[in-house]
Amino acid sequence: MTCFCLVGCVESQQVENTGHFENRELDACLAIVVDLSGSFQSYWDDRAYTLFLQLSELYFTESMGSDAKLVICQLSGNDQVVLFEGQPDDLRNRFSGPEEFNEFLKAKSDPSSSKVFDATRRSVDYVRSITGVTENTKLLTVILSDMWDSEYDPVLRNTSREKLMQSLISYRQQGGGMALYFVAEEQMPEWQSIFNEAGFEPGHYIIENELVATPQLPQFD
């Protein structure tokens, strides 16, 4: 006969309740969202990709010695928005050079449409969910896009815009900043209104249109 003793057989011993993983607070997190839709293709090849390299290099340099994360997202017809998350130097280690990384981005895109509202919402939501992001973490999301959303159904468009507003409000309340570059001139009033409604203060966001030759870069220090 086999007997299992569930209670009182062995004197219990106190075990220190310690975690198995270190939860380190991040100093900063930069998300760069790149427009890989057909409408932005010429800008990406001609100017936006150069700015992307400048931003990532600047962030890599200024984040040395700190706990920082870099997130790369894309907006197009592909529903896979987040493509990369890691430390700034992980990007260099993963790809042999800019050409290989550019090919990686294009392989993950679907140029048939441009889901700007949805991709922006999912990007800022992802940043807020990263382990180590706290109220003290400096958050910045940079979007390289003409900001034309390809959804023309007014009901679906308004629904996507409202969801985006709620995410932007939560992101702004956590101290997040926004930077939009290469925005189509016709889209400037729309995005100015969106940031105003979400409560962003001057200095916490920038919107630069497609005509700006030398964009104002953010400070990461």
Protein backbone atom coordinates (compact mmCIF):
# COMPACT_ATOMS: atom_id res chain seq x y z
CA MET A 1 0.00 0.00 0.00
CA THR A 2 1.27 3.44 -0.93
CA CYS A 3 0.45 6.31 1.36
CA PHE A 4 0.78 10.00 0.43
CA CYS A 5 1.12 12.29 3.41
CA LEU A 6 -0.20 15.77 2.49
CA VAL A 7 -0.20 17.56 5.82
CA GLY A 8 2.01 17.44 8.87
CA CYS A 9 4.57 14.88 7.71
CA VAL A 10 7.51 17.21 7.07
CA GLU A 11 8.25 20.41 8.91
CA SER A 12 7.91 23.25 6.45
CA GLN A 13 10.90 25.50 5.88
CA GLN A 14 10.77 29.19 5.12
CA VAL A 15 11.93 29.91 1.57
CA GLU A 16 12.86 33.47 0.69
CA ASN A 17 10.44 34.75 -1.94
CA THR A 18 12.84 36.26 -4.43
CA GLY A 19 12.25 36.82 -8.12
CA HIS A 20 14.15 34.95 -10.81
CA PHE A 21 14.59 37.93 -13.13
CA GLU A 22 15.98 41.38 -12.60
CA ASN A 23 13.46 44.10 -13.41
CA ARG A 24 15.62 46.99 -14.56
CA GLU A 25 14.09 50.40 -15.10
CA LEU A 26 14.79 51.79 -18.56
CA ASP A 27 16.24 55.26 -18.86
CA ALA A 28 14.88 55.82 -22.37
CA CYS A 29 12.97 54.16 -25.19
CA LEU A 30 12.89 55.38 -28.79
CA ALA A 31 10.41 53.98 -31.30
CA ILE A 32 10.91 54.77 -35.00
CA VAL A 33 7.91 54.07 -37.22
CA VAL A 34 8.68 53.96 -40.94
CA ASP A 35 6.11 54.31 -43.71
CA LEU A 36 6.64 51.50 -46.21
CA SER A 37 3.44 52.07 -48.19
CA GLY A 38 3.42 52.78 -51.90
CA SER A 39 2.52 56.46 -51.48
CA PHE A 40 5.69 57.12 -49.46
CA GLN A 41 8.12 54.94 -51.39
CA SER A 42 9.91 57.76 -53.23
CA TYR A 43 10.38 59.76 -50.02
CA TRP A 44 11.71 56.70 -48.18
CA ASP A 45 14.34 55.96 -50.82
CA ASP A 46 15.28 59.60 -51.39
CA ARG A 47 15.23 61.25 -47.93
CA ALA A 48 13.46 59.40 -45.12
CA TYR A 49 15.86 56.45 -44.97
CA THR A 50 18.78 58.86 -44.56
CA LEU A 51 16.99 60.54 -41.64
CA PHE A 52 16.27 57.11 -40.13
CA LEU A 53 20.00 56.33 -40.15
CA GLN A 54 20.79 59.72 -38.60
CA LEU A 55 18.25 59.19 -35.81
CA SER A 56 19.38 55.68 -34.98
CA GLU A 57 23.05 56.71 -34.99
CA LEU A 58 22.33 59.74 -32.79
CA TYR A 59 20.38 57.59 -30.35
CA PHE A 60 23.12 54.97 -30.32
CA THR A 61 25.73 57.62 -29.47
CA GLU A 62 23.76 59.55 -26.85
CA SER A 63 22.38 56.46 -25.06
CA MET A 64 25.77 54.90 -24.37
CA GLY A 65 26.13 54.00 -20.71
CA SER A 66 22.39 54.00 -20.06
CA ASP A 67 19.63 51.40 -20.10
CA ALA A 68 17.86 52.20 -23.36
CA LYS A 69 15.63 50.39 -25.84
CA LEU A 70 15.14 50.92 -29.57
CA VAL A 71 11.91 49.79 -31.25
CA ILE A 72 11.44 49.71 -35.03
CA CYS A 73 7.89 49.63 -36.41
CA GLN A 74 6.41 49.87 -39.88
CA LEU A 75 3.15 51.13 -41.31
CA SER A 76 1.78 49.71 -44.54
CA GLY A 77 -0.80 47.09 -45.44
CA ASN A 78 1.05 44.53 -43.30
CA ASP A 79 -0.55 44.06 -39.86
CA GLN A 80 2.81 43.15 -38.30
CA VAL A 81 3.65 46.60 -36.97
CA VAL A 82 6.57 45.94 -34.59
CA LEU A 83 9.64 44.56 -36.37
CA PHE A 84 12.47 44.97 -33.87
CA GLU A 85 13.07 45.59 -30.16
CA GLY A 86 16.48 45.70 -28.55
CA GLN A 87 19.30 47.86 -27.31
CA PRO A 88 20.58 50.42 -29.82
CA ASP A 89 23.74 48.45 -30.61
CA ASP A 90 21.72 45.25 -31.22
CA LEU A 91 20.61 46.71 -34.55
CA ARG A 92 24.23 46.95 -35.69
CA ASN A 93 24.97 43.41 -34.53
CA ARG A 94 21.96 41.93 -36.32
CA PHE A 95 22.47 43.54 -39.72
CA SER A 96 25.74 43.80 -41.64
CA GLY A 97 24.94 47.26 -42.97
CA PRO A 98 22.25 49.76 -44.02
CA GLU A 99 21.51 47.96 -47.27
CA GLU A 100 20.69 44.66 -45.54
CA PHE A 101 18.48 46.44 -43.02
CA ASN A 102 16.66 48.34 -45.76
CA GLU A 103 15.94 45.08 -47.56
CA PHE A 104 14.66 43.59 -44.29
CA LEU A 105 12.21 46.50 -43.88
CA LYS A 106 10.89 46.26 -47.42
CA ALA A 107 10.43 42.48 -47.10
CA LYS A 108 8.15 43.09 -44.11
CA SER A 109 5.95 45.63 -45.88
CA ASP A 110 2.81 45.57 -47.97
CA PRO A 111 2.74 48.76 -50.07
CA SER A 112 -0.92 48.28 -51.05
CA SER A 113 -2.24 50.46 -48.18
CA SER A 114 -1.22 52.80 -45.38
CA LYS A 115 -2.80 52.09 -41.97
CA VAL A 116 -1.47 55.23 -40.27
CA PHE A 117 -3.96 55.45 -37.39
CA ASP A 118 -3.72 51.76 -36.49
CA ALA A 119 0.07 51.55 -36.81
CA THR A 120 0.59 54.69 -34.71
CA ARG A 121 -1.74 53.38 -32.00
CA ARG A 122 -0.14 49.96 -31.88
CA SER A 123 3.34 51.47 -31.78
CA VAL A 124 2.73 53.73 -28.77
CA ASP A 125 0.79 50.96 -27.01
CA TYR A 126 3.73 48.60 -27.52
CA VAL A 127 6.22 51.12 -26.14
CA ARG A 128 4.16 51.57 -22.97
CA SER A 129 4.03 47.78 -22.45
CA ILE A 130 7.79 47.16 -22.60
CA THR A 131 9.27 45.67 -19.43
CA GLY A 132 11.24 48.32 -17.59
CA VAL A 133 9.27 51.29 -18.90
CA THR A 134 8.13 53.40 -15.95
CA GLU A 135 6.92 56.93 -15.32
CA ASN A 136 10.60 57.94 -15.22
CA THR A 137 11.49 56.50 -18.63
CA LYS A 138 11.97 59.03 -21.41
CA LEU A 139 9.68 57.96 -24.26
CA LEU A 140 9.81 59.26 -27.82
CA THR A 141 8.03 57.95 -30.90
CA VAL A 142 9.28 59.19 -34.29
CA ILE A 143 7.17 58.62 -37.40
CA LEU A 144 8.61 59.00 -40.90
CA SER A 145 5.50 59.24 -43.09
CA ASP A 146 3.28 61.47 -45.18
CA MET A 147 0.59 60.50 -42.60
CA TRP A 148 -2.05 59.73 -45.23
CA ASP A 149 -4.34 57.00 -43.88
CA SER A 150 -5.69 54.89 -46.74
CA GLU A 151 -8.99 54.07 -45.00
CA TYR A 152 -11.69 56.11 -46.73
CA ASP A 153 -14.76 54.53 -45.12
CA PRO A 154 -15.82 57.33 -42.72
CA VAL A 155 -17.15 54.98 -40.03
CA LEU A 156 -14.02 52.79 -39.97
CA ARG A 157 -11.78 55.85 -40.17
CA ASN A 158 -13.48 57.56 -37.22
CA THR A 159 -13.29 54.35 -35.18
CA SER A 160 -9.56 54.04 -35.85
CA ARG A 161 -9.03 57.71 -35.02
CA GLU A 162 -10.90 57.41 -31.71
CA LYS A 163 -8.87 54.35 -30.68
CA LEU A 164 -5.71 56.25 -31.55
CA MET A 165 -6.80 59.21 -29.42
CA GLN A 166 -7.24 57.04 -26.34
CA SER A 167 -3.81 55.48 -26.82
CA LEU A 168 -2.15 58.86 -27.37
CA ILE A 169 -3.72 60.27 -24.21
CA SER A 170 -2.36 57.36 -22.14
CA TYR A 171 1.02 57.67 -23.83
CA ARG A 172 1.15 61.43 -23.20
CA GLN A 173 0.17 60.96 -19.55
CA GLN A 174 3.20 58.69 -19.20
CA GLY A 175 5.43 61.50 -20.49
CA GLY A 176 5.77 60.30 -24.08
CA GLY A 177 6.79 62.65 -26.88
CA MET A 178 6.00 62.51 -30.61
CA ALA A 179 7.89 63.61 -33.72
CA LEU A 180 6.43 63.46 -37.23
CA TYR A 181 8.62 64.04 -40.28
CA PHE A 182 7.78 64.34 -44.01
CA VAL A 183 4.09 64.95 -43.27
CA ALA A 184 2.04 65.85 -46.35
CA GLU A 185 1.07 69.52 -46.24
CA GLU A 186 -2.62 68.61 -46.45
CA GLN A 187 -2.28 66.40 -43.35
CA MET A 188 -0.66 69.02 -41.11
CA PRO A 189 -3.96 70.43 -39.69
CA GLU A 190 -5.29 66.92 -38.99
CA TRP A 191 -2.30 65.91 -36.89
CA GLN A 192 -2.04 69.25 -35.16
CA SER A 193 -5.65 68.76 -34.10
CA ILE A 194 -4.98 65.18 -32.95
CA PHE A 195 -2.08 66.21 -30.72
CA ASN A 196 -4.04 69.15 -29.33
CA GLU A 197 -6.98 66.89 -28.48
CA ALA A 198 -4.63 64.37 -26.82
CA GLY A 199 -3.25 67.16 -24.62
CA PHE A 200 0.35 67.36 -25.88
CA GLU A 201 2.12 70.54 -24.83
CA PRO A 202 4.53 72.50 -27.06
CA GLY A 203 8.01 71.03 -26.77
CA HIS A 204 6.63 67.52 -26.36
CA TYR A 205 5.84 67.05 -30.05
CA ILE A 206 6.92 68.29 -33.45
CA ILE A 207 5.25 68.06 -36.85
CA GLU A 208 7.41 68.85 -39.87
CA ASN A 209 6.07 68.74 -43.39
CA GLU A 210 7.55 67.26 -46.52
CA LEU A 211 9.00 70.61 -47.63
CA VAL A 212 11.42 70.99 -44.68
CA ALA A 213 14.93 70.48 -46.05
CA THR A 214 16.72 70.11 -42.70
CA PRO A 215 14.43 68.57 -40.04
CA GLN A 216 14.87 69.52 -36.39
CA LEU A 217 16.19 66.44 -34.64
CA PRO A 218 15.17 65.48 -31.10
CA GLN A 219 17.52 65.55 -28.11
CA PHE A 220 18.02 62.17 -26.44
CA ASP A 221 20.23 63.22 -23.53
